C-alpha atoms as a PDB file:
ATOM      1  CA  UNK A   1       0.012  -0.272  -0.085  1.00  0.00           C
ATOM      2  CA  UNK A   2       2.760   2.730   1.071  1.00  0.00           C
ATOM      3  CA  UNK A   3       4.844   1.488  -1.936  1.00  0.00           C
ATOM      4  CA  UNK A   4       1.481   2.228  -4.810  1.00  0.00           C
ATOM      5  CA  UNK A   5       0.394   4.886  -2.610  1.00  0.00           C
ATOM      6  CA  UNK A   6      -3.073   3.246  -1.971  1.00  0.00           C
ATOM      7  CA  UNK A   7      -5.251   3.631   1.456  1.00  0.00           C
ATOM      8  CA  UNK A   8      -6.890   0.094   0.864  1.00  0.00           C
ATOM      9  CA  UNK A   9      -6.216  -3.390  -0.066  1.00  0.00           C
ATOM     10  CA  UNK A  10      -8.163  -6.871  -0.803  1.00  0.00           C
ATOM     11  CA  UNK A  11      -6.229  -9.623  -1.370  1.00  0.00           C
ATOM     12  CA  UNK A  12      -7.447 -13.670  -1.726  1.00  0.00           C
ATOM     13  CA  UNK A  13      -6.070 -16.800  -2.326  1.00  0.00           C
ATOM     14  CA  UNK A  14      -7.262 -19.458  -4.503  1.00  0.00           C
ATOM     15  CA  UNK A  15      -6.711 -22.932  -3.410  1.00  0.00           C
ATOM     16  CA  UNK A  16      -7.719 -26.405  -3.942  1.00  0.00           C
ATOM     17  CA  UNK A  17     -10.458 -24.718  -6.399  1.00  0.00           C
ATOM     18  CA  UNK A  18     -11.675 -22.431  -3.083  1.00  0.00           C
ATOM     19  CA  UNK A  19     -11.462 -19.357  -1.735  1.00  0.00           C
ATOM     20  CA  UNK A  20      -8.692 -19.861   0.942  1.00  0.00           C
ATOM     21  CA  UNK A  21      -7.483 -17.302   2.298  1.00  0.00           C
ATOM     22  CA  UNK A  22      -8.453 -13.435   2.119  1.00  0.00           C
ATOM     23  CA  UNK A  23      -7.381 -10.240   3.853  1.00  0.00           C
ATOM     24  CA  UNK A  24      -8.740  -6.470   3.527  1.00  0.00           C
ATOM     25  CA  UNK A  25      -7.058  -3.606   4.782  1.00  0.00           C
ATOM     26  CA  UNK A  26      -7.157   0.465   5.165  1.00  0.00           C
ATOM     27  CA  UNK A  27      -9.425   2.651   3.264  1.00  0.00           C
ATOM     28  CA  UNK A  28     -12.087   2.226   0.108  1.00  0.00           C
ATOM     29  CA  UNK A  29     -12.659   5.427   0.612  1.00  0.00           C
ATOM     30  CA  UNK A  30     -11.051   8.255   2.496  1.00  0.00           C
ATOM     31  CA  UNK A  31     -13.228  11.038   2.447  1.00  0.00           C
ATOM     32  CA  UNK A  32     -15.821   9.066   3.658  1.00  0.00           C
ATOM     33  CA  UNK A  33     -13.265   7.064   5.629  1.00  0.00           C
ATOM     34  CA  UNK A  34     -14.918   3.782   4.432  1.00  0.00           C
ATOM     35  CA  UNK A  35     -12.952   0.429   5.057  1.00  0.00           C
ATOM     36  CA  UNK A  36     -12.017  -1.879   2.249  1.00  0.00           C
ATOM     37  CA  UNK A  37     -13.854  -5.646   3.514  1.00  0.00           C
ATOM     38  CA  UNK A  38     -14.801  -8.310   2.029  1.00  0.00           C
ATOM     39  CA  UNK A  39     -17.979  -6.718   0.535  1.00  0.00           C
ATOM     40  CA  UNK A  40     -16.213  -3.956  -1.124  1.00  0.00           C
ATOM     41  CA  UNK A  41     -15.861  -3.538  -4.923  1.00  0.00           C
ATOM     42  CA  UNK A  42     -13.834  -3.234  -6.497  1.00  0.00           C
ATOM     43  CA  UNK A  43     -13.349  -1.571 -10.021  1.00  0.00           C
ATOM     44  CA  UNK A  44     -11.382  -4.196 -11.964  1.00  0.00           C
ATOM     45  CA  UNK A  45     -10.098  -2.451 -14.934  1.00  0.00           C
ATOM     46  CA  UNK A  46      -8.555  -4.406 -17.747  1.00  0.00           C
ATOM     47  CA  UNK A  47      -9.607  -7.797 -14.953  1.00  0.00           C
ATOM     48  CA  UNK A  48     -12.645  -7.412 -16.496  1.00  0.00           C
ATOM     49  CA  UNK A  49     -11.099  -9.066 -19.898  1.00  0.00           C
ATOM     50  CA  UNK A  50     -10.756 -12.220 -18.617  1.00  0.00           C
ATOM     51  CA  UNK A  51     -14.398 -13.101 -18.241  1.00  0.00           C
ATOM     52  CA  UNK A  52     -15.367 -12.126 -21.171  1.00  0.00           C
ATOM     53  CA  UNK A  53     -13.064 -13.864 -23.031  1.00  0.00           C
ATOM     54  CA  UNK A  54     -14.091 -16.977 -21.070  1.00  0.00           C
ATOM     55  CA  UNK A  55     -17.600 -16.599 -21.942  1.00  0.00           C
ATOM     56  CA  UNK A  56     -17.230 -15.507 -25.448  1.00  0.00           C
ATOM     57  CA  UNK A  57     -15.456 -19.545 -25.488  1.00  0.00           C
ATOM     58  CA  UNK A  58     -18.907 -21.118 -23.623  1.00  0.00           C
ATOM     59  CA  UNK A  59     -20.275 -19.273 -27.175  1.00  0.00           C
ATOM     60  CA  UNK A  60     -17.873 -20.985 -29.683  1.00  0.00           C
ATOM     61  CA  UNK A  61     -18.400 -24.601 -27.344  1.00  0.00           C
ATOM     62  CA  UNK A  62     -22.338 -23.933 -28.158  1.00  0.00           C
ATOM     63  CA  UNK A  63     -21.809 -23.350 -32.247  1.00  0.00           C
ATOM     64  CA  UNK A  64     -22.903 -19.548 -31.617  1.00  0.00           C
ATOM     65  CA  UNK A  65     -20.054 -18.232 -32.429  1.00  0.00           C
ATOM     66  CA  UNK A  66     -16.417 -19.172 -34.969  1.00  0.00           C
ATOM     67  CA  UNK A  67     -13.208 -18.173 -33.765  1.00  0.00           C
ATOM     68  CA  UNK A  68     -11.899 -18.279 -37.045  1.00  0.00           C
ATOM     69  CA  UNK A  69     -15.013 -16.256 -39.239  1.00  0.00           C
ATOM     70  CA  UNK A  70     -14.406 -12.477 -39.340  1.00  0.00           C
ATOM     71  CA  UNK A  71     -16.023 -10.038 -37.082  1.00  0.00           C
ATOM     72  CA  UNK A  72     -17.195  -8.552 -40.157  1.00  0.00           C
ATOM     73  CA  UNK A  73     -19.917 -10.924 -40.598  1.00  0.00           C
ATOM     74  CA  UNK A  74     -21.654 -10.812 -37.739  1.00  0.00           C
ATOM     75  CA  UNK A  75     -20.668  -6.869 -36.893  1.00  0.00           C
ATOM     76  CA  UNK A  76     -20.379  -5.364 -40.688  1.00  0.00           C
ATOM     77  CA  UNK A  77     -20.611  -1.609 -39.769  1.00  0.00           C
ATOM     78  CA  UNK A  78     -18.388  -1.693 -36.894  1.00  0.00           C
ATOM     79  CA  UNK A  79     -14.190  -0.862 -38.838  1.00  0.00           C
ATOM     80  CA  UNK A  80     -14.102   0.744 -42.916  1.00  0.00           C
ATOM     81  CA  UNK A  81     -14.076  -1.313 -45.995  1.00  0.00           C
ATOM     82  CA  UNK A  82     -10.296  -2.809 -45.682  1.00  0.00           C
ATOM     83  CA  UNK A  83      -8.705  -5.818 -46.679  1.00  0.00           C
ATOM     84  CA  UNK A  84      -6.702  -5.980 -43.305  1.00  0.00           C
ATOM     85  CA  UNK A  85      -9.618  -5.365 -41.136  1.00  0.00           C
ATOM     86  CA  UNK A  86     -11.921  -7.497 -43.171  1.00  0.00           C
ATOM     87  CA  UNK A  87      -9.510 -10.119 -42.067  1.00  0.00           C
ATOM     88  CA  UNK A  88      -9.973  -9.732 -37.973  1.00  0.00           C
ATOM     89  CA  UNK A  89     -11.761 -12.568 -36.325  1.00  0.00           C
ATOM     90  CA  UNK A  90     -12.516 -13.793 -32.547  1.00  0.00           C
ATOM     91  CA  UNK A  91      -9.291 -15.416 -32.745  1.00  0.00           C
ATOM     92  CA  UNK A  92      -7.222 -12.398 -33.567  1.00  0.00           C
ATOM     93  CA  UNK A  93      -8.947 -10.247 -30.314  1.00  0.00           C
ATOM     94  CA  UNK A  94      -8.732 -12.494 -27.598  1.00  0.00           C
ATOM     95  CA  UNK A  95      -5.309 -13.367 -29.073  1.00  0.00           C
ATOM     96  CA  UNK A  96      -4.355  -9.521 -28.786  1.00  0.00           C
ATOM     97  CA  UNK A  97      -2.933  -9.882 -32.196  1.00  0.00           C
ATOM     98  CA  UNK A  98      -5.780  -8.118 -34.290  1.00  0.00           C
ATOM     99  CA  UNK A  99      -3.560  -5.212 -34.714  1.00  0.00           C
ATOM    100  CA  UNK A 100      -5.895  -2.777 -33.410  1.00  0.00           C
ATOM    101  CA  UNK A 101      -4.692   0.141 -31.020  1.00  0.00           C
ATOM    102  CA  UNK A 102      -5.929  -0.172 -27.411  1.00  0.00           C
ATOM    103  CA  UNK A 103      -8.537   2.778 -27.691  1.00  0.00           C
ATOM    104  CA  UNK A 104      -8.475   5.317 -30.559  1.00  0.00           C
ATOM    105  CA  UNK A 105      -8.757   8.880 -28.660  1.00  0.00           C
ATOM    106  CA  UNK A 106     -10.091  10.536 -31.221  1.00  0.00           C
ATOM    107  CA  UNK A 107     -13.348   9.667 -34.104  1.00  0.00           C
ATOM    108  CA  UNK A 108     -11.172   8.338 -37.260  1.00  0.00           C
ATOM    109  CA  UNK A 109     -11.320   4.999 -38.843  1.00  0.00           C
ATOM    110  CA  UNK A 110     -10.515   1.437 -36.914  1.00  0.00           C
ATOM    111  CA  UNK A 111      -7.798  -0.353 -38.406  1.00  0.00           C
ATOM    112  CA  UNK A 112      -5.278  -2.768 -37.496  1.00  0.00           C
ATOM    113  CA  UNK A 113      -1.687  -2.056 -37.938  1.00  0.00           C
ATOM    114  CA  UNK A 114       0.068  -4.610 -39.425  1.00  0.00           C
ATOM    115  CA  UNK A 115      -1.790  -8.073 -40.911  1.00  0.00           C
ATOM    116  CA  UNK A 116      -4.025  -9.590 -38.164  1.00  0.00           C
ATOM    117  CA  UNK A 117      -2.115 -12.634 -36.632  1.00  0.00           C
ATOM    118  CA  UNK A 118       1.351 -11.401 -37.375  1.00  0.00           C
ATOM    119  CA  UNK A 119       1.705  -9.670 -33.752  1.00  0.00           C
ATOM    120  CA  UNK A 120       0.825  -8.623 -30.330  1.00  0.00           C
ATOM    121  CA  UNK A 121      -0.443  -5.685 -29.848  1.00  0.00           C
ATOM    122  CA  UNK A 122      -3.042  -4.928 -26.930  1.00  0.00           C
ATOM    123  CA  UNK A 123      -6.395  -4.250 -27.588  1.00  0.00           C
ATOM    124  CA  UNK A 124      -9.240  -2.591 -25.909  1.00  0.00           C
ATOM    125  CA  UNK A 125     -10.396  -2.096 -29.124  1.00  0.00           C
ATOM    126  CA  UNK A 126     -10.663  -4.924 -30.915  1.00  0.00           C
ATOM    127  CA  UNK A 127     -12.250  -6.393 -27.375  1.00  0.00           C
ATOM    128  CA  UNK A 128     -15.064  -3.961 -27.628  1.00  0.00           C
ATOM    129  CA  UNK A 129     -15.863  -5.001 -31.235  1.00  0.00           C
ATOM    130  CA  UNK A 130     -16.262  -8.705 -30.345  1.00  0.00           C
ATOM    131  CA  UNK A 131     -18.603  -7.668 -27.107  1.00  0.00           C
ATOM    132  CA  UNK A 132     -21.024  -6.020 -30.140  1.00  0.00           C
ATOM    133  CA  UNK A 133     -20.568  -9.713 -31.984  1.00  0.00           C
ATOM    134  CA  UNK A 134     -21.710 -11.699 -28.931  1.00  0.00           C
ATOM    135  CA  UNK A 135     -24.408  -8.740 -28.470  1.00  0.00           C
ATOM    136  CA  UNK A 136     -25.564  -9.476 -31.955  1.00  0.00           C
ATOM    137  CA  UNK A 137     -25.561 -13.636 -31.835  1.00  0.00           C
ATOM    138  CA  UNK A 138     -27.054 -13.461 -28.273  1.00  0.00           C
ATOM    139  CA  UNK A 139     -29.614 -10.491 -28.671  1.00  0.00           C
ATOM    140  CA  UNK A 140     -29.025  -9.683 -25.392  1.00  0.00           C
ATOM    141  CA  UNK A 141     -27.520  -6.490 -23.962  1.00  0.00           C
ATOM    142  CA  UNK A 142     -23.969  -7.007 -22.535  1.00  0.00           C
ATOM    143  CA  UNK A 143     -24.892  -7.058 -19.031  1.00  0.00           C
ATOM    144  CA  UNK A 144     -28.155  -9.502 -19.887  1.00  0.00           C
ATOM    145  CA  UNK A 145     -25.198 -12.529 -21.644  1.00  0.00           C
ATOM    146  CA  UNK A 146     -22.686 -11.986 -18.941  1.00  0.00           C
ATOM    147  CA  UNK A 147     -25.231 -12.279 -16.372  1.00  0.00           C
ATOM    148  CA  UNK A 148     -26.469 -15.524 -17.765  1.00  0.00           C
ATOM    149  CA  UNK A 149     -23.851 -17.010 -19.167  1.00  0.00           C
ATOM    150  CA  UNK A 150     -21.182 -16.360 -16.073  1.00  0.00           C
ATOM    151  CA  UNK A 151     -21.613 -14.710 -13.202  1.00  0.00           C
ATOM    152  CA  UNK A 152     -25.237 -16.110 -12.327  1.00  0.00           C
ATOM    153  CA  UNK A 153     -24.003 -19.753 -12.582  1.00  0.00           C
ATOM    154  CA  UNK A 154     -20.765 -19.028 -10.716  1.00  0.00           C
ATOM    155  CA  UNK A 155     -22.342 -17.044  -7.781  1.00  0.00           C
ATOM    156  CA  UNK A 156     -20.495 -13.953  -8.344  1.00  0.00           C
ATOM    157  CA  UNK A 157     -23.819 -12.364  -7.506  1.00  0.00           C
ATOM    158  CA  UNK A 158     -21.789  -8.794  -6.306  1.00  0.00           C
ATOM    159  CA  UNK A 159     -20.169  -8.833 -10.169  1.00  0.00           C
ATOM    160  CA  UNK A 160     -21.608  -6.194 -13.095  1.00  0.00           C
ATOM    161  CA  UNK A 161     -19.974  -4.130 -15.782  1.00  0.00           C
ATOM    162  CA  UNK A 162     -22.744  -1.742 -15.133  1.00  0.00           C
ATOM    163  CA  UNK A 163     -22.238   1.064 -12.511  1.00  0.00           C
ATOM    164  CA  UNK A 164     -25.800   0.480 -10.086  1.00  0.00           C
ATOM    165  CA  UNK A 165     -27.209   2.624  -7.069  1.00  0.00           C
ATOM    166  CA  UNK A 166     -25.365   0.200  -4.468  1.00  0.00           C
ATOM    167  CA  UNK A 167     -21.982   0.344  -6.232  1.00  0.00           C
ATOM    168  CA  UNK A 168     -21.886   4.041  -4.755  1.00  0.00           C
ATOM    169  CA  UNK A 169     -21.918   3.073  -0.984  1.00  0.00           C
ATOM    170  CA  UNK A 170     -19.505   0.250  -1.821  1.00  0.00           C
ATOM    171  CA  UNK A 171     -17.175   1.076  -4.523  1.00  0.00           C
ATOM    172  CA  UNK A 172     -13.838   1.812  -4.059  1.00  0.00           C
ATOM    173  CA  UNK A 173     -12.293   5.056  -5.700  1.00  0.00           C
ATOM    174  CA  UNK A 174      -9.170   4.793  -7.515  1.00  0.00           C
ATOM    175  CA  UNK A 175      -6.263   6.981  -5.561  1.00  0.00           C
ATOM    176  CA  UNK A 176      -2.615   7.079  -6.944  1.00  0.00           C
ATOM    177  CA  UNK A 177      -0.042   8.266  -4.971  1.00  0.00           C
ATOM    178  CA  UNK A 178      -2.475   9.518  -2.848  1.00  0.00           C
ATOM    179  CA  UNK A 179      -5.271  11.536  -5.671  1.00  0.00           C
ATOM    180  CA  UNK A 180      -8.175  10.141  -5.524  1.00  0.00           C
ATOM    181  CA  UNK A 181     -10.721   9.440  -8.368  1.00  0.00           C
ATOM    182  CA  UNK A 182     -13.717   7.402  -9.912  1.00  0.00           C
ATOM    183  CA  UNK A 183     -13.736   5.161 -12.062  1.00  0.00           C
ATOM    184  CA  UNK A 184     -13.992   6.463 -15.332  1.00  0.00           C
ATOM    185  CA  UNK A 185     -17.189   4.668 -16.501  1.00  0.00           C
ATOM    186  CA  UNK A 186     -19.516   5.811 -13.030  1.00  0.00           C
ATOM    187  CA  UNK A 187     -20.339   9.493 -14.557  1.00  0.00           C
ATOM    188  CA  UNK A 188     -21.033   7.937 -18.131  1.00  0.00           C
ATOM    189  CA  UNK A 189     -23.294   5.294 -15.932  1.00  0.00           C
ATOM    190  CA  UNK A 190     -25.457   6.705 -14.022  1.00  0.00           C
ATOM    191  CA  UNK A 191     -26.543   9.211 -16.926  1.00  0.00           C
ATOM    192  CA  UNK A 192     -27.067   6.869 -18.315  1.00  0.00           C
ATOM    193  CA  UNK A 193     -29.411   5.053 -16.122  1.00  0.00           C
ATOM    194  CA  UNK A 194     -31.352   8.150 -15.761  1.00  0.00           C
ATOM    195  CA  UNK A 195     -31.774   8.104 -19.932  1.00  0.00           C
ATOM    196  CA  UNK A 196     -32.927   4.930 -19.830  1.00  0.00           C
ATOM    197  CA  UNK A 197     -35.491   5.442 -17.381  1.00  0.00           C
ATOM    198  CA  UNK A 198     -37.875   7.344 -19.829  1.00  0.00           C
ATOM    199  CA  UNK A 199     -39.880   4.165 -20.586  1.00  0.00           C
ATOM    200  CA  UNK A 200     -36.751   2.450 -22.969  1.00  0.00           C
ATOM    201  CA  UNK A 201     -35.331  -0.650 -21.626  1.00  0.00           C
ATOM    202  CA  UNK A 202     -33.009  -1.128 -18.633  1.00  0.00           C
ATOM    203  CA  UNK A 203     -29.061  -1.340 -18.754  1.00  0.00           C
ATOM    204  CA  UNK A 204     -28.472  -4.583 -18.884  1.00  0.00           C
ATOM    205  CA  UNK A 205     -30.546  -4.800 -21.575  1.00  0.00           C
ATOM    206  CA  UNK A 206     -28.754  -1.997 -23.870  1.00  0.00           C
ATOM    207  CA  UNK A 207     -27.057  -3.356 -27.340  1.00  0.00           C
ATOM    208  CA  UNK A 208     -24.398  -1.196 -29.100  1.00  0.00           C
ATOM    209  CA  UNK A 209     -26.924   0.852 -31.104  1.00  0.00           C
ATOM    210  CA  UNK A 210     -29.279   1.479 -27.994  1.00  0.00           C
ATOM    211  CA  UNK A 211     -26.732   3.467 -25.957  1.00  0.00           C
ATOM    212  CA  UNK A 212     -25.610   5.407 -28.804  1.00  0.00           C
ATOM    213  CA  UNK A 213     -29.196   6.340 -29.914  1.00  0.00           C
ATOM    214  CA  UNK A 214     -30.161   7.144 -25.716  1.00  0.00           C
ATOM    215  CA  UNK A 215     -26.638   9.339 -25.935  1.00  0.00           C
ATOM    216  CA  UNK A 216     -28.016  11.537 -28.099  1.00  0.00           C
ATOM    217  CA  UNK A 217     -30.850  12.682 -25.909  1.00  0.00           C
ATOM    218  CA  UNK A 218     -27.988  13.586 -22.752  1.00  0.00           C
ATOM    219  CA  UNK A 219     -26.583  17.287 -22.871  1.00  0.00           C
ATOM    220  CA  UNK A 220     -23.855  17.663 -23.067  1.00  0.00           C
ATOM    221  CA  UNK A 221     -23.500  14.065 -25.081  1.00  0.00           C
ATOM    222  CA  UNK A 222     -20.838  12.023 -24.616  1.00  0.00           C
ATOM    223  CA  UNK A 223     -18.109  10.771 -26.943  1.00  0.00           C
ATOM    224  CA  UNK A 224     -19.371   7.337 -28.991  1.00  0.00           C
ATOM    225  CA  UNK A 225     -15.947   5.830 -29.428  1.00  0.00           C
ATOM    226  CA  UNK A 226     -15.627   2.519 -27.118  1.00  0.00           C
ATOM    227  CA  UNK A 227     -13.068   3.978 -24.894  1.00  0.00           C
ATOM    228  CA  UNK A 228     -16.364   6.041 -23.394  1.00  0.00           C
ATOM    229  CA  UNK A 229     -18.867   3.631 -22.911  1.00  0.00           C
ATOM    230  CA  UNK A 230     -20.492   1.895 -20.523  1.00  0.00           C
ATOM    231  CA  UNK A 231     -21.185  -1.792 -19.689  1.00  0.00           C
ATOM    232  CA  UNK A 232     -17.347  -2.372 -21.220  1.00  0.00           C
ATOM    233  CA  UNK A 233     -16.135  -5.928 -21.489  1.00  0.00           C
ATOM    234  CA  UNK A 234     -12.719  -4.516 -21.545  1.00  0.00           C
ATOM    235  CA  UNK A 235     -12.604  -2.619 -18.453  1.00  0.00           C
ATOM    236  CA  UNK A 236     -15.830  -1.749 -16.100  1.00  0.00           C
ATOM    237  CA  UNK A 237     -16.184  -4.715 -14.379  1.00  0.00           C
ATOM    238  CA  UNK A 238     -17.300  -4.408 -10.763  1.00  0.00           C
ATOM    239  CA  UNK A 239     -16.376  -7.368  -8.455  1.00  0.00           C
ATOM    240  CA  UNK A 240     -15.272  -7.998  -4.659  1.00  0.00           C
ATOM    241  CA  UNK A 241     -12.259  -9.942  -3.471  1.00  0.00           C
ATOM    242  CA  UNK A 242     -14.517 -13.325  -3.295  1.00  0.00           C
ATOM    243  CA  UNK A 243     -16.271 -13.320  -6.359  1.00  0.00           C
ATOM    244  CA  UNK A 244     -13.096 -12.770  -8.699  1.00  0.00           C
ATOM    245  CA  UNK A 245     -12.076 -15.500  -7.275  1.00  0.00           C
ATOM    246  CA  UNK A 246     -14.524 -17.841  -7.746  1.00  0.00           C
ATOM    247  CA  UNK A 247     -14.276 -17.255 -10.894  1.00  0.00           C
ATOM    248  CA  UNK A 248     -10.721 -18.260 -10.909  1.00  0.00           C
ATOM    249  CA  UNK A 249     -11.219 -21.253  -8.793  1.00  0.00           C
ATOM    250  CA  UNK A 250     -13.118 -21.990 -12.086  1.00  0.00           C
ATOM    251  CA  UNK A 251     -10.657 -21.218 -14.154  1.00  0.00           C
ATOM    252  CA  UNK A 252      -8.271 -23.316 -12.440  1.00  0.00           C
ATOM    253  CA  UNK A 253     -10.515 -26.043 -11.804  1.00  0.00           C
ATOM    254  CA  UNK A 254     -13.320 -28.629 -12.920  1.00  0.00           C
ATOM    255  CA  UNK A 255     -16.367 -26.016 -11.985  1.00  0.00           C
ATOM    256  CA  UNK A 256     -20.219 -26.012 -12.580  1.00  0.00           C
ATOM    257  CA  UNK A 257     -20.354 -23.665 -16.079  1.00  0.00           C
ATOM    258  CA  UNK A 258     -18.775 -26.540 -18.611  1.00  0.00           C
ATOM    259  CA  UNK A 259     -16.387 -26.532 -21.088  1.00  0.00           C
ATOM    260  CA  UNK A 260     -16.266 -28.741 -24.860  1.00  0.00           C
ATOM    261  CA  UNK A 261     -12.854 -29.781 -26.076  1.00  0.00           C
ATOM    262  CA  UNK A 262     -12.808 -26.070 -27.749  1.00  0.00           C
ATOM    263  CA  UNK A 263     -12.820 -23.895 -25.292  1.00  0.00           C
ATOM    264  CA  UNK A 264     -10.223 -26.401 -23.424  1.00  0.00           C
ATOM    265  CA  UNK A 265      -7.838 -26.048 -26.212  1.00  0.00           C
ATOM    266  CA  UNK A 266      -7.663 -22.310 -26.078  1.00  0.00           C
ATOM    267  CA  UNK A 267      -6.521 -23.591 -22.251  1.00  0.00           C
ATOM    268  CA  UNK A 268     -10.015 -24.065 -20.369  1.00  0.00           C
ATOM    269  CA  UNK A 269     -10.671 -27.176 -18.465  1.00  0.00           C
ATOM    270  CA  UNK A 270     -13.713 -29.683 -18.392  1.00  0.00           C
ATOM    271  CA  UNK A 271     -16.270 -29.604 -16.459  1.00  0.00           C
ATOM    272  CA  UNK A 272     -17.247 -32.630 -14.097  1.00  0.00           C
END
């Protein structure tokens, strides 16, 4: 905590398929003198991607998603006509070899910097592209898909990609050498929730297209680039130590969310 400049910490040890030990210390919110504890919600940042990757492979197991089909066959409008962009597949995205940037900061065309599969380049943009494809093949909003596919079956009741009212009382602020700030998705999610209470779908049911449409009614209008949107598979996960350890236990052992030979070859265990 001293080296990292953070006022609080939560940690857990997964052993023999279970949470064997956990420890919480310090404050999750200094201004409110709120201690870190078992119920504290932590912003998982890029550790959000692992849960989504697992859930996407479950769709591969079910034959709903092809690891080697161009993403454009699922979502034609996400990238411009471009030889390399046309060849990006879910496998490239999951392996961070799509060639896409991590995040675009300006509204410029999303095109790979190299031939997909030829190099490594970490990309949140690629993961969000795959999120849109998952929404299209399942017909579900992203949050609902994650709840039904993974979070619910694993009993991760305190985990969500959406900032909700209860998160305000339980979530940690982010701290960098003493400077505090809320996760970037907080303000966006609260404003989006306000705009969608006027007769539209719940946030958990929203697809990318619904969110972009809802933004038209918000003043000032937020950006529609993926690095500003929530729920977002790449970085908006809120979770507790216990919940995230439940996921890690699933990955490391035979759990109750099964895997077929497809996801086994991708590095995931076989269900008992």
